[in-house]
Amino acid sequence: MSKAESVNALARGLDLLQEAAHMGPFTLSEMARALGEPTSTVDRWIKTLAEKGLLDRASPTQWTIGLKAAQLWAAYRTRMKQQIEHARLGLARTAIPEETSEWH
């Protein structure tokens, strides 16, 4: 497989994950139709993503987003919370204090 083919396969696998997130549980044929790809190709992508824990079996004929995909989301969410807290603390340090005494 050439480098361009590898990158394209990765991109299509990510397309599959995005589609899976929107579809909920899906069959091989449903995903193949959604992506406009042959079922044999989508079957290989599904198997690869399942081996990595990014897809799980929802039933004997259906797949769904896997635990590893959820863990990726959780890691992203944690990182965003940290960045927000860091920004909030930075703003609090640079804020102009409000005048607490009344003018006489």
N, C-alpha and C. Protein backbone atom coordinates (compact mmCIF):
# COMPACT_ATOMS: atom_id res chain seq x y z
N MET A 1 0.85 -1.17 0.00
CA MET A 1 0.00 0.00 0.00
C MET A 1 0.89 1.23 0.00
N SER A 2 0.60 2.16 -0.90
CA SER A 2 1.40 3.38 -0.98
C SER A 2 1.03 4.33 0.16
N LYS A 3 1.87 5.34 0.36
CA LYS A 3 1.62 6.32 1.42
C LYS A 3 0.29 7.03 1.18
N ALA A 4 0.02 7.40 -0.05
CA ALA A 4 -1.24 8.09 -0.38
C ALA A 4 -2.43 7.19 -0.09
N GLU A 5 -2.32 5.90 -0.42
CA GLU A 5 -3.40 4.96 -0.14
C GLU A 5 -3.62 4.79 1.35
N SER A 6 -2.52 4.76 2.13
CA SER A 6 -2.62 4.64 3.57
C SER A 6 -3.34 5.84 4.17
N VAL A 7 -2.97 7.03 3.73
CA VAL A 7 -3.60 8.25 4.24
C VAL A 7 -5.07 8.27 3.85
N ASN A 8 -5.39 7.89 2.62
CA ASN A 8 -6.77 7.86 2.17
C ASN A 8 -7.58 6.84 2.98
N ALA A 9 -7.01 5.69 3.25
CA ALA A 9 -7.70 4.67 4.05
C ALA A 9 -7.96 5.19 5.46
N LEU A 10 -6.99 5.89 6.03
CA LEU A 10 -7.18 6.46 7.35
C LEU A 10 -8.31 7.49 7.32
N ALA A 11 -8.30 8.35 6.33
CA ALA A 11 -9.34 9.37 6.20
C ALA A 11 -10.71 8.72 6.07
N ARG A 12 -10.81 7.67 5.29
CA ARG A 12 -12.10 6.99 5.11
C ARG A 12 -12.52 6.28 6.39
N GLY A 13 -11.57 5.75 7.14
CA GLY A 13 -11.89 5.13 8.42
C GLY A 13 -12.43 6.16 9.40
N LEU A 14 -11.86 7.35 9.38
CA LEU A 14 -12.37 8.43 10.23
C LEU A 14 -13.75 8.88 9.77
N ASP A 15 -13.96 8.89 8.45
CA ASP A 15 -15.31 9.17 7.93
C ASP A 15 -16.31 8.16 8.46
N LEU A 16 -15.89 6.90 8.50
CA LEU A 16 -16.75 5.84 9.01
C LEU A 16 -17.10 6.09 10.47
N LEU A 17 -16.13 6.46 11.28
CA LEU A 17 -16.38 6.75 12.69
C LEU A 17 -17.35 7.91 12.86
N GLN A 18 -17.17 8.95 12.08
CA GLN A 18 -18.07 10.10 12.15
C GLN A 18 -19.49 9.70 11.77
N GLU A 19 -19.61 8.92 10.74
CA GLU A 19 -20.92 8.44 10.30
C GLU A 19 -21.55 7.56 11.37
N ALA A 20 -20.74 6.70 11.98
CA ALA A 20 -21.23 5.82 13.04
C ALA A 20 -21.77 6.62 14.21
N ALA A 21 -21.11 7.72 14.53
CA ALA A 21 -21.56 8.56 15.65
C ALA A 21 -22.94 9.15 15.37
N HIS A 22 -23.22 9.43 14.12
CA HIS A 22 -24.52 10.00 13.75
C HIS A 22 -25.60 8.95 13.55
N MET A 23 -25.21 7.76 13.12
CA MET A 23 -26.17 6.72 12.79
C MET A 23 -26.68 5.94 14.00
N GLY A 24 -25.85 5.80 15.01
CA GLY A 24 -26.18 4.84 16.06
C GLY A 24 -25.84 3.45 15.54
N PRO A 25 -26.39 2.40 16.13
CA PRO A 25 -26.06 1.05 15.65
C PRO A 25 -26.33 0.92 14.14
N PHE A 26 -25.39 0.30 13.44
CA PHE A 26 -25.49 0.20 11.98
C PHE A 26 -25.06 -1.18 11.51
N THR A 27 -25.55 -1.56 10.35
CA THR A 27 -25.11 -2.80 9.70
C THR A 27 -24.03 -2.46 8.69
N LEU A 28 -23.33 -3.47 8.27
CA LEU A 28 -22.30 -3.30 7.24
C LEU A 28 -22.89 -2.67 5.99
N SER A 29 -24.01 -3.19 5.52
CA SER A 29 -24.60 -2.66 4.28
C SER A 29 -25.07 -1.22 4.45
N GLU A 30 -25.61 -0.87 5.62
CA GLU A 30 -26.02 0.52 5.85
C GLU A 30 -24.82 1.46 5.78
N MET A 31 -23.72 1.05 6.39
CA MET A 31 -22.53 1.90 6.39
C MET A 31 -21.93 1.99 4.98
N ALA A 32 -21.91 0.89 4.28
CA ALA A 32 -21.38 0.91 2.91
C ALA A 32 -22.19 1.88 2.04
N ARG A 33 -23.51 1.84 2.16
CA ARG A 33 -24.36 2.78 1.41
C ARG A 33 -24.07 4.22 1.84
N ALA A 34 -23.98 4.46 3.13
CA ALA A 34 -23.75 5.81 3.64
C ALA A 34 -22.43 6.39 3.13
N LEU A 35 -21.42 5.53 3.02
CA LEU A 35 -20.09 5.99 2.59
C LEU A 35 -19.89 5.89 1.08
N GLY A 36 -20.80 5.20 0.39
CA GLY A 36 -20.64 5.01 -1.05
C GLY A 36 -19.46 4.13 -1.40
N GLU A 37 -19.20 3.13 -0.56
CA GLU A 37 -18.06 2.22 -0.75
C GLU A 37 -18.57 0.79 -0.83
N PRO A 38 -17.78 -0.11 -1.45
CA PRO A 38 -18.16 -1.52 -1.49
C PRO A 38 -18.18 -2.12 -0.08
N THR A 39 -19.09 -3.08 0.13
CA THR A 39 -19.19 -3.70 1.46
C THR A 39 -17.89 -4.39 1.85
N SER A 40 -17.17 -4.95 0.88
CA SER A 40 -15.91 -5.64 1.22
C SER A 40 -14.89 -4.65 1.79
N THR A 41 -14.85 -3.45 1.26
CA THR A 41 -13.94 -2.42 1.75
C THR A 41 -14.35 -1.96 3.14
N VAL A 42 -15.63 -1.67 3.31
CA VAL A 42 -16.15 -1.20 4.60
C VAL A 42 -15.99 -2.29 5.65
N ASP A 43 -16.15 -3.53 5.26
CA ASP A 43 -15.96 -4.65 6.19
C ASP A 43 -14.53 -4.65 6.74
N ARG A 44 -13.54 -4.42 5.90
CA ARG A 44 -12.15 -4.36 6.35
C ARG A 44 -11.94 -3.18 7.30
N TRP A 45 -12.51 -2.03 6.97
CA TRP A 45 -12.37 -0.87 7.84
C TRP A 45 -13.01 -1.13 9.20
N ILE A 46 -14.20 -1.71 9.18
CA ILE A 46 -14.91 -2.01 10.44
C ILE A 46 -14.07 -2.97 11.29
N LYS A 47 -13.55 -4.01 10.68
CA LYS A 47 -12.75 -4.98 11.43
C LYS A 47 -11.52 -4.32 12.03
N THR A 48 -10.86 -3.45 11.30
CA THR A 48 -9.68 -2.76 11.79
C THR A 48 -10.05 -1.85 12.96
N LEU A 49 -11.12 -1.08 12.80
CA LEU A 49 -11.55 -0.18 13.87
C LEU A 49 -12.01 -0.96 15.10
N ALA A 50 -12.63 -2.11 14.89
CA ALA A 50 -13.06 -2.95 16.01
C ALA A 50 -11.85 -3.52 16.74
N GLU A 51 -10.82 -3.93 16.01
CA GLU A 51 -9.61 -4.45 16.64
C GLU A 51 -8.96 -3.40 17.54
N LYS A 52 -9.11 -2.14 17.19
CA LYS A 52 -8.55 -1.04 17.97
C LYS A 52 -9.51 -0.55 19.06
N GLY A 53 -10.69 -1.16 19.16
CA GLY A 53 -11.65 -0.79 20.18
C GLY A 53 -12.48 0.44 19.86
N LEU A 54 -12.37 0.94 18.63
CA LEU A 54 -13.12 2.13 18.23
C LEU A 54 -14.54 1.80 17.80
N LEU A 55 -14.79 0.54 17.48
CA LEU A 55 -16.15 0.06 17.19
C LEU A 55 -16.38 -1.20 18.01
N ASP A 56 -17.63 -1.41 18.41
CA ASP A 56 -18.04 -2.61 19.13
C ASP A 56 -19.26 -3.22 18.45
N ARG A 57 -19.46 -4.50 18.70
CA ARG A 57 -20.68 -5.16 18.23
C ARG A 57 -21.86 -4.68 19.06
N ALA A 58 -22.93 -4.25 18.40
CA ALA A 58 -24.17 -3.90 19.08
C ALA A 58 -25.10 -5.11 19.09
N SER A 59 -24.94 -5.96 18.09
CA SER A 59 -25.71 -7.20 17.95
C SER A 59 -24.93 -8.06 16.96
N PRO A 60 -25.38 -9.28 16.67
CA PRO A 60 -24.64 -10.09 15.70
C PRO A 60 -24.50 -9.46 14.32
N THR A 61 -25.39 -8.54 13.97
CA THR A 61 -25.33 -7.92 12.64
C THR A 61 -25.09 -6.42 12.67
N GLN A 62 -24.93 -5.84 13.86
CA GLN A 62 -24.78 -4.39 13.96
C GLN A 62 -23.53 -4.00 14.74
N TRP A 63 -23.06 -2.81 14.42
CA TRP A 63 -21.89 -2.22 15.07
C TRP A 63 -22.27 -0.88 15.67
N THR A 64 -21.47 -0.42 16.59
CA THR A 64 -21.67 0.89 17.21
C THR A 64 -20.31 1.43 17.66
N ILE A 65 -20.28 2.70 18.05
CA ILE A 65 -19.06 3.32 18.55
C ILE A 65 -18.54 2.53 19.74
N GLY A 66 -17.24 2.35 19.80
CA GLY A 66 -16.63 1.55 20.86
C GLY A 66 -16.09 2.37 22.02
N LEU A 67 -15.65 1.66 23.03
CA LEU A 67 -15.13 2.27 24.25
C LEU A 67 -13.95 3.19 23.98
N LYS A 68 -13.05 2.79 23.11
CA LYS A 68 -11.86 3.62 22.83
C LYS A 68 -12.26 4.96 22.23
N ALA A 69 -13.32 4.98 21.42
CA ALA A 69 -13.80 6.25 20.86
C ALA A 69 -14.31 7.14 21.99
N ALA A 70 -15.01 6.54 22.94
CA ALA A 70 -15.50 7.30 24.09
C ALA A 70 -14.33 7.82 24.92
N GLN A 71 -13.29 7.02 25.06
CA GLN A 71 -12.12 7.46 25.82
C GLN A 71 -11.42 8.63 25.13
N LEU A 72 -11.40 8.62 23.80
CA LEU A 72 -10.82 9.75 23.08
C LEU A 72 -11.63 11.02 23.35
N TRP A 73 -12.95 10.91 23.33
CA TRP A 73 -13.80 12.05 23.63
C TRP A 73 -13.54 12.54 25.06
N ALA A 74 -13.47 11.61 26.00
CA ALA A 74 -13.25 11.99 27.40
C ALA A 74 -11.90 12.71 27.57
N ALA A 75 -10.88 12.24 26.88
CA ALA A 75 -9.56 12.89 26.95
C ALA A 75 -9.64 14.31 26.38
N TYR A 76 -10.34 14.46 25.28
CA TYR A 76 -10.51 15.79 24.67
C TYR A 76 -11.27 16.70 25.63
N ARG A 77 -12.35 16.21 26.20
CA ARG A 77 -13.17 17.00 27.12
C ARG A 77 -12.36 17.43 28.35
N THR A 78 -11.58 16.52 28.89
CA THR A 78 -10.73 16.85 30.04
C THR A 78 -9.74 17.95 29.68
N ARG A 79 -9.14 17.82 28.52
CA ARG A 79 -8.16 18.83 28.06
C ARG A 79 -8.83 20.18 27.88
N MET A 80 -10.01 20.22 27.32
CA MET A 80 -10.72 21.49 27.13
C MET A 80 -11.08 22.11 28.48
N LYS A 81 -11.50 21.30 29.44
CA LYS A 81 -11.81 21.81 30.78
C LYS A 81 -10.56 22.42 31.41
N GLN A 82 -9.41 21.77 31.23
CA GLN A 82 -8.16 22.30 31.78
C GLN A 82 -7.81 23.64 31.14
N GLN A 83 -7.98 23.74 29.83
CA GLN A 83 -7.67 24.99 29.15
C GLN A 83 -8.61 26.11 29.59
N ILE A 84 -9.88 25.79 29.77
CA ILE A 84 -10.84 26.79 30.22
C ILE A 84 -10.50 27.26 31.63
N GLU A 85 -10.17 26.32 32.50
CA GLU A 85 -9.81 26.68 33.88
C GLU A 85 -8.55 27.53 33.90
N HIS A 86 -7.58 27.17 33.09
CA HIS A 86 -6.34 27.95 33.00
C HIS A 86 -6.65 29.37 32.53
N ALA A 87 -7.48 29.51 31.52
CA ALA A 87 -7.85 30.83 31.01
C ALA A 87 -8.63 31.62 32.06
N ARG A 88 -9.54 30.94 32.76
CA ARG A 88 -10.33 31.60 33.80
C ARG A 88 -9.43 32.15 34.90
N LEU A 89 -8.46 31.33 35.33
CA LEU A 89 -7.53 31.78 36.37
C LEU A 89 -6.67 32.95 35.88
N GLY A 90 -6.25 32.89 34.65
CA GLY A 90 -5.48 33.99 34.08
C GLY A 90 -6.27 35.28 34.03
N LEU A 91 -7.53 35.18 33.64
CA LEU A 91 -8.38 36.36 33.61
C LEU A 91 -8.62 36.91 35.02
N ALA A 92 -8.80 36.01 35.97
CA ALA A 92 -9.03 36.45 37.35
C ALA A 92 -7.81 37.20 37.89
N ARG A 93 -6.61 36.78 37.53
CA ARG A 93 -5.39 37.45 37.99
C ARG A 93 -5.22 38.83 37.37
N THR A 94 -5.73 39.02 36.18
CA THR A 94 -5.54 40.30 35.48
C THR A 94 -6.74 41.22 35.60
N ALA A 95 -7.80 40.77 36.25
CA ALA A 95 -9.00 41.58 36.37
C ALA A 95 -8.76 42.79 37.26
N ILE A 96 -9.38 43.88 36.92
CA ILE A 96 -9.31 45.09 37.74
C ILE A 96 -10.28 44.90 38.90
N PRO A 97 -9.79 44.99 40.13
CA PRO A 97 -10.68 44.78 41.26
C PRO A 97 -11.77 45.85 41.32
N GLU A 98 -12.94 45.44 41.72
CA GLU A 98 -14.04 46.39 41.86
C GLU A 98 -13.81 47.22 43.12
N GLU A 99 -14.24 48.45 43.08
CA GLU A 99 -14.16 49.34 44.23
C GLU A 99 -15.19 48.90 45.26
N THR A 100 -14.74 48.60 46.45
CA THR A 100 -15.68 48.11 47.47
C THR A 100 -16.11 49.20 48.43
N SER A 101 -15.34 50.27 48.56
CA SER A 101 -15.76 51.34 49.46
C SER A 101 -16.64 52.34 48.72
N GLU A 102 -17.55 52.91 49.45
CA GLU A 102 -18.46 53.89 48.83
C GLU A 102 -17.80 55.25 48.81
N TRP A 103 -18.18 56.04 47.83
CA TRP A 103 -17.69 57.41 47.73
C TRP A 103 -18.40 58.28 48.77
N HIS A 104 -17.68 59.10 49.46
CA HIS A 104 -18.25 60.00 50.47
C HIS A 104 -18.20 61.41 50.01
